[in-house]
Amino acid sequence: MKKNNDWKERLNIVYSTNPDFKFEVEEKEECDTLEPGKQQLRISLDKRNRNGKSVTLVTGFVGTAGDLKSLAKKLKTKCGVGGSDKDGEILIQGDFRQKVLDILLSEGYKARIV
């Protein structure tokens, strides 16, 4: 089987004359998802670098990317808007701080508006 030779993994390597050189990639370990009662989520309104449009930002999630994605989907569906999830943050389009807080509290998460 041929290994995926992705150039993005080798961005900081310029050139090596060693014929036995093997580029080693550090793999990130995903930590297990904490129980909802142990999560400390912070909800805020963010307008920076968004052309004046506001988004509800949920930070502080500790867990796997799949669990983050499912929580983000649940929030987006219940708010009826779009958004995204990446780098441990959930973006919900618009000012839905109170609604997101109510949803998270009903799901058992510890959340607060900052």
N, C-alpha and C. Protein backbone atom coordinates (compact mmCIF):
# COMPACT_ATOMS: atom_id res chain seq x y z
N MET A 1 0.83 -1.18 0.00
CA MET A 1 0.00 0.00 0.00
C MET A 1 0.88 1.24 0.00
N LYS A 2 0.48 2.21 -0.76
CA LYS A 2 1.23 3.45 -0.85
C LYS A 2 0.75 4.42 0.24
N LYS A 3 1.70 5.01 0.94
CA LYS A 3 1.38 5.95 1.99
C LYS A 3 0.98 7.29 1.38
N ASN A 4 0.00 7.94 2.01
CA ASN A 4 -0.42 9.25 1.56
C ASN A 4 0.73 10.23 1.77
N ASN A 5 1.23 10.80 0.69
CA ASN A 5 2.39 11.68 0.73
C ASN A 5 1.91 13.13 0.71
N ASP A 6 1.33 13.56 1.82
CA ASP A 6 0.75 14.89 1.91
C ASP A 6 1.84 15.92 2.15
N TRP A 7 1.93 16.91 1.29
CA TRP A 7 2.99 17.92 1.40
C TRP A 7 2.77 18.84 2.58
N LYS A 8 1.54 18.96 3.09
CA LYS A 8 1.28 19.84 4.21
C LYS A 8 1.94 19.34 5.49
N GLU A 9 2.15 18.06 5.59
CA GLU A 9 2.80 17.49 6.77
C GLU A 9 4.28 17.83 6.81
N ARG A 10 4.85 18.17 5.67
CA ARG A 10 6.29 18.44 5.60
C ARG A 10 6.59 19.90 5.32
N LEU A 11 5.74 20.79 5.74
CA LEU A 11 5.91 22.20 5.41
C LEU A 11 7.21 22.80 5.93
N ASN A 12 7.70 22.40 7.08
CA ASN A 12 8.89 23.00 7.66
C ASN A 12 10.19 22.30 7.26
N ILE A 13 10.11 21.25 6.46
CA ILE A 13 11.30 20.57 5.96
C ILE A 13 11.62 21.12 4.58
N VAL A 14 12.83 21.66 4.43
CA VAL A 14 13.20 22.25 3.16
C VAL A 14 13.85 21.20 2.25
N TYR A 15 14.90 20.56 2.75
CA TYR A 15 15.62 19.59 1.92
C TYR A 15 16.48 18.72 2.81
N SER A 16 16.58 17.47 2.49
CA SER A 16 17.46 16.57 3.23
C SER A 16 18.26 15.74 2.24
N THR A 17 19.57 15.67 2.45
CA THR A 17 20.43 14.87 1.58
C THR A 17 20.56 13.44 2.07
N ASN A 18 20.06 13.16 3.26
CA ASN A 18 20.12 11.82 3.83
C ASN A 18 19.13 10.92 3.10
N PRO A 19 19.62 9.84 2.44
CA PRO A 19 18.69 8.97 1.70
C PRO A 19 17.79 8.16 2.63
N ASP A 20 18.16 8.02 3.90
CA ASP A 20 17.35 7.25 4.85
C ASP A 20 16.44 8.14 5.70
N PHE A 21 16.30 9.39 5.32
CA PHE A 21 15.51 10.33 6.12
C PHE A 21 14.04 9.97 6.05
N LYS A 22 13.44 9.85 7.22
CA LYS A 22 12.00 9.60 7.32
C LYS A 22 11.39 10.74 8.12
N PHE A 23 10.44 11.42 7.54
CA PHE A 23 9.78 12.52 8.24
C PHE A 23 8.79 11.93 9.23
N GLU A 24 8.90 12.33 10.49
CA GLU A 24 8.02 11.81 11.54
C GLU A 24 6.97 12.85 11.88
N VAL A 25 5.75 12.43 11.86
CA VAL A 25 4.63 13.32 12.15
C VAL A 25 4.17 13.05 13.58
N GLU A 26 4.04 14.14 14.35
CA GLU A 26 3.49 13.99 15.69
C GLU A 26 1.99 13.93 15.59
N GLU A 27 1.41 12.88 16.12
CA GLU A 27 -0.04 12.75 16.08
C GLU A 27 -0.63 13.30 17.36
N LYS A 28 -1.67 14.10 17.20
CA LYS A 28 -2.34 14.67 18.36
C LYS A 28 -3.21 13.60 19.01
N GLU A 29 -3.13 13.54 20.31
CA GLU A 29 -4.00 12.61 21.03
C GLU A 29 -5.28 13.33 21.39
N GLU A 30 -6.39 12.73 21.01
CA GLU A 30 -7.67 13.30 21.39
C GLU A 30 -8.02 12.79 22.78
N CYS A 31 -8.33 13.71 23.65
CA CYS A 31 -8.70 13.30 24.99
C CYS A 31 -10.16 12.86 25.00
N ASP A 32 -10.48 12.04 25.97
CA ASP A 32 -11.84 11.55 26.09
C ASP A 32 -12.77 12.71 26.43
N THR A 33 -14.00 12.58 26.03
CA THR A 33 -14.98 13.61 26.30
C THR A 33 -15.42 13.53 27.76
N LEU A 34 -15.37 14.67 28.42
CA LEU A 34 -15.83 14.74 29.80
C LEU A 34 -17.35 14.63 29.83
N GLU A 35 -17.88 14.22 30.98
CA GLU A 35 -19.33 14.16 31.15
C GLU A 35 -19.88 15.58 31.08
N PRO A 36 -21.13 15.74 30.64
CA PRO A 36 -21.69 17.09 30.53
C PRO A 36 -21.65 17.88 31.84
N GLY A 37 -21.80 17.22 32.97
CA GLY A 37 -21.79 17.92 34.25
C GLY A 37 -20.42 18.45 34.63
N LYS A 38 -19.36 17.92 34.02
CA LYS A 38 -18.00 18.34 34.33
C LYS A 38 -17.45 19.36 33.33
N GLN A 39 -18.19 19.62 32.27
CA GLN A 39 -17.77 20.59 31.27
C GLN A 39 -17.98 22.00 31.80
N GLN A 40 -17.05 22.89 31.54
CA GLN A 40 -17.17 24.30 31.91
C GLN A 40 -17.23 25.12 30.62
N LEU A 41 -18.43 25.29 30.08
CA LEU A 41 -18.59 26.00 28.81
C LEU A 41 -18.85 27.48 29.05
N ARG A 42 -18.27 28.31 28.20
CA ARG A 42 -18.44 29.75 28.26
C ARG A 42 -19.09 30.22 26.97
N ILE A 43 -20.13 31.03 27.10
CA ILE A 43 -20.88 31.53 25.95
C ILE A 43 -20.64 33.03 25.85
N SER A 44 -20.25 33.50 24.67
CA SER A 44 -20.00 34.92 24.49
C SER A 44 -20.45 35.36 23.10
N LEU A 45 -20.57 36.66 22.94
CA LEU A 45 -20.92 37.25 21.65
C LEU A 45 -19.63 37.79 21.04
N ASP A 46 -19.36 37.42 19.80
CA ASP A 46 -18.12 37.81 19.15
C ASP A 46 -18.43 38.51 17.84
N LYS A 47 -17.77 39.65 17.60
CA LYS A 47 -17.94 40.40 16.35
C LYS A 47 -16.62 40.62 15.63
N ARG A 48 -15.52 40.18 16.23
CA ARG A 48 -14.21 40.45 15.66
C ARG A 48 -13.97 39.67 14.37
N ASN A 49 -13.42 40.36 13.38
CA ASN A 49 -13.04 39.78 12.09
C ASN A 49 -14.19 39.08 11.39
N ARG A 50 -15.40 39.62 11.54
CA ARG A 50 -16.56 39.02 10.92
C ARG A 50 -17.39 40.05 10.15
N ASN A 51 -16.76 41.13 9.74
CA ASN A 51 -17.42 42.19 8.97
C ASN A 51 -18.65 42.74 9.68
N GLY A 52 -18.59 42.89 10.98
CA GLY A 52 -19.67 43.47 11.75
C GLY A 52 -20.79 42.52 12.11
N LYS A 53 -20.74 41.30 11.62
CA LYS A 53 -21.78 40.33 11.93
C LYS A 53 -21.44 39.67 13.26
N SER A 54 -22.45 39.40 14.05
CA SER A 54 -22.20 38.81 15.36
C SER A 54 -22.44 37.30 15.33
N VAL A 55 -21.65 36.60 16.12
CA VAL A 55 -21.81 35.16 16.29
C VAL A 55 -21.79 34.85 17.78
N THR A 56 -22.51 33.81 18.15
CA THR A 56 -22.47 33.30 19.51
C THR A 56 -21.35 32.28 19.56
N LEU A 57 -20.41 32.48 20.46
CA LEU A 57 -19.22 31.64 20.55
C LEU A 57 -19.29 30.80 21.82
N VAL A 58 -19.20 29.48 21.68
CA VAL A 58 -19.20 28.56 22.82
C VAL A 58 -17.80 27.97 22.92
N THR A 59 -17.10 28.23 24.02
CA THR A 59 -15.73 27.75 24.20
C THR A 59 -15.64 26.90 25.46
N GLY A 60 -14.52 26.19 25.60
CA GLY A 60 -14.26 25.41 26.80
C GLY A 60 -14.65 23.95 26.68
N PHE A 61 -15.04 23.49 25.50
CA PHE A 61 -15.43 22.09 25.35
C PHE A 61 -14.20 21.20 25.38
N VAL A 62 -14.24 20.14 26.20
CA VAL A 62 -13.14 19.19 26.29
C VAL A 62 -13.67 17.84 25.80
N GLY A 63 -13.11 17.36 24.68
CA GLY A 63 -13.58 16.08 24.16
C GLY A 63 -13.14 15.86 22.73
N THR A 64 -13.69 14.83 22.15
CA THR A 64 -13.32 14.45 20.79
C THR A 64 -14.01 15.36 19.77
N ALA A 65 -13.47 15.36 18.57
CA ALA A 65 -14.02 16.20 17.51
C ALA A 65 -15.42 15.74 17.13
N GLY A 66 -15.68 14.46 17.19
CA GLY A 66 -17.01 13.94 16.86
C GLY A 66 -18.06 14.40 17.84
N ASP A 67 -17.73 14.41 19.13
CA ASP A 67 -18.67 14.88 20.14
C ASP A 67 -18.91 16.38 20.01
N LEU A 68 -17.86 17.12 19.68
CA LEU A 68 -18.00 18.56 19.46
C LEU A 68 -18.92 18.82 18.28
N LYS A 69 -18.75 18.04 17.23
CA LYS A 69 -19.57 18.19 16.02
C LYS A 69 -21.03 17.88 16.31
N SER A 70 -21.29 16.84 17.10
CA SER A 70 -22.69 16.50 17.40
C SER A 70 -23.35 17.55 18.29
N LEU A 71 -22.60 18.11 19.26
CA LEU A 71 -23.15 19.17 20.09
C LEU A 71 -23.42 20.42 19.26
N ALA A 72 -22.51 20.75 18.35
CA ALA A 72 -22.70 21.91 17.48
C ALA A 72 -23.93 21.72 16.59
N LYS A 73 -24.11 20.53 16.07
CA LYS A 73 -25.26 20.26 15.22
C LYS A 73 -26.56 20.41 16.00
N LYS A 74 -26.55 19.93 17.24
CA LYS A 74 -27.74 20.05 18.08
C LYS A 74 -28.07 21.52 18.35
N LEU A 75 -27.05 22.32 18.66
CA LEU A 75 -27.28 23.74 18.92
C LEU A 75 -27.76 24.47 17.67
N LYS A 76 -27.14 24.18 16.53
CA LYS A 76 -27.54 24.85 15.30
C LYS A 76 -28.97 24.48 14.91
N THR A 77 -29.34 23.23 15.11
CA THR A 77 -30.68 22.78 14.77
C THR A 77 -31.73 23.44 15.66
N LYS A 78 -31.47 23.47 16.96
CA LYS A 78 -32.45 24.04 17.89
C LYS A 78 -32.56 25.55 17.76
N CYS A 79 -31.48 26.21 17.33
CA CYS A 79 -31.54 27.66 17.11
C CYS A 79 -32.05 28.00 15.71
N GLY A 80 -32.00 27.03 14.80
CA GLY A 80 -32.49 27.26 13.45
C GLY A 80 -31.58 28.12 12.60
N VAL A 81 -30.28 28.09 12.88
CA VAL A 81 -29.32 28.90 12.14
C VAL A 81 -28.11 28.05 11.76
N GLY A 82 -27.20 28.66 11.03
CA GLY A 82 -25.97 27.98 10.64
C GLY A 82 -24.87 28.23 11.65
N GLY A 83 -23.73 27.66 11.38
CA GLY A 83 -22.58 27.84 12.25
C GLY A 83 -21.50 26.84 11.89
N SER A 84 -20.51 26.72 12.76
CA SER A 84 -19.43 25.78 12.52
C SER A 84 -18.82 25.35 13.84
N ASP A 85 -17.97 24.34 13.76
CA ASP A 85 -17.26 23.86 14.94
C ASP A 85 -15.84 23.51 14.55
N LYS A 86 -14.88 24.11 15.26
CA LYS A 86 -13.48 23.78 15.02
C LYS A 86 -12.64 24.27 16.17
N ASP A 87 -11.54 23.61 16.40
CA ASP A 87 -10.58 23.98 17.44
C ASP A 87 -11.22 24.08 18.82
N GLY A 88 -12.16 23.23 19.11
CA GLY A 88 -12.79 23.23 20.43
C GLY A 88 -13.79 24.35 20.64
N GLU A 89 -14.18 25.05 19.58
CA GLU A 89 -15.13 26.15 19.67
C GLU A 89 -16.33 25.86 18.77
N ILE A 90 -17.48 26.37 19.19
CA ILE A 90 -18.69 26.26 18.39
C ILE A 90 -19.14 27.67 18.06
N LEU A 91 -19.34 27.95 16.78
CA LEU A 91 -19.84 29.24 16.32
C LEU A 91 -21.28 29.08 15.87
N ILE A 92 -22.17 29.91 16.42
CA ILE A 92 -23.57 29.93 16.03
C ILE A 92 -23.84 31.31 15.46
N GLN A 93 -24.35 31.38 14.24
CA GLN A 93 -24.58 32.67 13.59
C GLN A 93 -25.69 33.44 14.28
N GLY A 94 -25.39 34.67 14.69
CA GLY A 94 -26.38 35.52 15.33
C GLY A 94 -26.20 35.57 16.84
N ASP A 95 -27.02 36.38 17.48
CA ASP A 95 -26.97 36.54 18.93
C ASP A 95 -27.99 35.60 19.57
N PHE A 96 -27.54 34.41 19.96
CA PHE A 96 -28.40 33.41 20.58
C PHE A 96 -27.84 32.98 21.93
N ARG A 97 -27.23 33.91 22.66
CA ARG A 97 -26.58 33.56 23.93
C ARG A 97 -27.55 32.93 24.92
N GLN A 98 -28.70 33.55 25.14
CA GLN A 98 -29.64 33.03 26.14
C GLN A 98 -30.23 31.70 25.70
N LYS A 99 -30.55 31.56 24.44
CA LYS A 99 -31.14 30.31 23.94
C LYS A 99 -30.12 29.17 24.02
N VAL A 100 -28.86 29.46 23.66
CA VAL A 100 -27.81 28.44 23.74
C VAL A 100 -27.58 28.04 25.19
N LEU A 101 -27.61 29.02 26.10
CA LEU A 101 -27.46 28.73 27.53
C LEU A 101 -28.57 27.81 28.01
N ASP A 102 -29.80 28.10 27.64
CA ASP A 102 -30.94 27.27 28.05
C ASP A 102 -30.81 25.84 27.51
N ILE A 103 -30.38 25.71 26.25
CA ILE A 103 -30.22 24.39 25.64
C ILE A 103 -29.12 23.60 26.36
N LEU A 104 -27.98 24.25 26.61
CA LEU A 104 -26.86 23.56 27.26
C LEU A 104 -27.22 23.15 28.69
N LEU A 105 -27.92 24.02 29.41
CA LEU A 105 -28.32 23.68 30.78
C LEU A 105 -29.31 22.51 30.79
N SER A 106 -30.22 22.48 29.81
CA SER A 106 -31.18 21.37 29.75
C SER A 106 -30.50 20.05 29.37
N GLU A 107 -29.35 20.13 28.68
CA GLU A 107 -28.58 18.93 28.33
C GLU A 107 -27.69 18.47 29.47
N GLY A 108 -27.58 19.27 30.54
CA GLY A 108 -26.79 18.88 31.69
C GLY A 108 -25.40 19.49 31.75
N TYR A 109 -25.09 20.40 30.84
CA TYR A 109 -23.77 21.04 30.82
C TYR A 109 -23.74 22.19 31.83
N LYS A 110 -22.57 22.47 32.35
CA LYS A 110 -22.35 23.66 33.17
C LYS A 110 -21.91 24.76 32.21
N ALA A 111 -22.75 25.78 32.07
CA ALA A 111 -22.45 26.85 31.11
C ALA A 111 -22.78 28.19 31.74
N ARG A 112 -22.10 29.23 31.25
CA ARG A 112 -22.39 30.57 31.72
C ARG A 112 -22.08 31.56 30.60
N ILE A 113 -22.79 32.68 30.66
CA ILE A 113 -22.57 33.74 29.68
C ILE A 113 -21.48 34.66 30.21
N VAL A 114 -20.49 34.91 29.36
CA VAL A 114 -19.36 35.76 29.75
C VAL A 114 -19.52 37.12 29.12
